[in-house]
Amino acid sequence: MNPIIQVLQANNIAQAQINDIFTELTTNPLMAMNTIASLGIPQEQLQPVMMQVMTNPGLIKEAVQELGLDVEAMEKAKQAFQQEKE
């Protein structure tokens, strides 16, 4: 299982909220980090996972696939978001 999902589930985060977080991670990673930080997950659990994500961003895509979310739709949303920023 994906380490990000494991930490969220271990801290009793609802599955619907986990899906929302990963949707947000693919479209607006900075906002998603704020959302994750607001969940009350102990820093000693969260920090190692966030370091893994920073060194291996593919973990987010793996988690999105594991959750059965639409990777292509998320990629399109991410591209649209990046174009808006420019």
Protein backbone atom coordinates (compact mmCIF):
# COMPACT_ATOMS: atom_id res chain seq x y z
CA MET A 1 0.00 0.00 0.00
CA ASN A 2 1.11 3.53 -0.74
CA PRO A 3 2.81 5.12 2.31
CA ILE A 4 0.77 8.32 2.04
CA ILE A 5 -2.50 6.39 2.08
CA GLN A 6 -1.23 4.29 4.99
CA VAL A 7 -0.54 7.35 7.15
CA LEU A 8 -3.91 8.91 6.32
CA GLN A 9 -5.81 5.69 7.06
CA ALA A 10 -3.83 5.06 10.25
CA ASN A 11 -5.02 8.46 11.45
CA ASN A 12 -8.68 7.64 10.75
CA ILE A 13 -9.05 9.94 7.75
CA ALA A 14 -12.25 9.04 5.87
CA GLN A 15 -11.84 7.43 2.45
CA ALA A 16 -13.79 10.23 0.75
CA GLN A 17 -11.47 12.79 2.32
CA ILE A 18 -8.42 10.79 1.20
CA ASN A 19 -9.77 10.85 -2.37
CA ASP A 20 -10.31 14.60 -2.11
CA ILE A 21 -6.77 15.10 -0.83
CA PHE A 22 -5.28 13.23 -3.77
CA THR A 23 -7.43 15.12 -6.23
CA GLU A 24 -6.12 18.30 -4.63
CA LEU A 25 -2.52 16.98 -4.63
CA THR A 26 -2.63 16.54 -8.38
CA THR A 27 -4.24 19.89 -9.12
CA ASN A 28 -2.86 22.18 -6.42
CA PRO A 29 -0.08 20.56 -4.36
CA LEU A 30 0.55 23.59 -2.14
CA MET A 31 -3.09 23.80 -1.08
CA ALA A 32 -3.14 20.04 -0.52
CA MET A 33 -0.16 20.31 1.83
CA ASN A 34 -2.10 22.86 3.87
CA THR A 35 -5.10 20.53 3.92
CA ILE A 36 -2.95 17.60 5.06
CA ALA A 37 -1.29 19.75 7.73
CA SER A 38 -4.72 20.71 9.08
CA LEU A 39 -5.73 17.07 9.64
CA GLY A 40 -3.92 16.83 12.96
CA ILE A 41 -1.59 14.02 11.93
CA PRO A 42 1.42 13.91 14.27
CA GLN A 43 4.44 15.57 12.68
CA GLU A 44 6.67 12.55 13.36
CA GLN A 45 4.37 10.44 11.14
CA LEU A 46 3.75 13.03 8.47
CA GLN A 47 7.25 14.38 7.90
CA PRO A 48 8.89 11.12 6.69
CA VAL A 49 6.06 10.54 4.21
CA MET A 50 6.28 14.08 2.86
CA MET A 51 10.04 13.62 2.42
CA GLN A 52 9.33 10.45 0.39
CA VAL A 53 6.90 12.40 -1.80
CA MET A 54 9.47 15.14 -2.37
CA THR A 55 12.12 12.64 -3.42
CA ASN A 56 9.70 10.42 -5.37
CA PRO A 57 6.75 12.44 -6.74
CA GLY A 58 5.57 9.28 -8.51
CA LEU A 59 4.11 8.20 -5.16
CA ILE A 60 1.23 10.61 -5.74
CA LYS A 61 0.42 9.09 -9.13
CA GLU A 62 0.68 5.58 -7.65
CA ALA A 63 -1.72 6.53 -4.87
CA VAL A 64 -4.17 8.08 -7.35
CA GLN A 65 -4.14 4.83 -9.33
CA GLU A 66 -4.46 2.74 -6.16
CA LEU A 67 -7.51 4.77 -5.14
CA GLY A 68 -9.07 4.25 -8.56
CA LEU A 69 -9.20 7.96 -9.35
CA ASP A 70 -9.04 9.25 -12.94
CA VAL A 71 -5.35 9.95 -13.56
CA GLU A 72 -5.92 11.49 -17.00
CA ALA A 73 -8.54 13.94 -15.72
CA MET A 74 -6.21 14.94 -12.91
CA GLU A 75 -3.32 15.46 -15.32
CA LYS A 76 -5.51 17.72 -17.48
CA ALA A 77 -6.59 19.69 -14.43
CA LYS A 78 -2.96 20.03 -13.36
CA GLN A 79 -1.96 21.34 -16.79
CA ALA A 80 -4.86 23.81 -16.79
CA PHE A 81 -3.84 25.01 -13.33
CA GLN A 82 -0.23 25.50 -14.44
CA GLN A 83 -1.33 27.47 -17.51
CA GLU A 84 -3.45 29.75 -15.32
CA LYS A 85 -0.41 30.51 -13.18
CA GLU A 86 1.60 31.64 -16.23
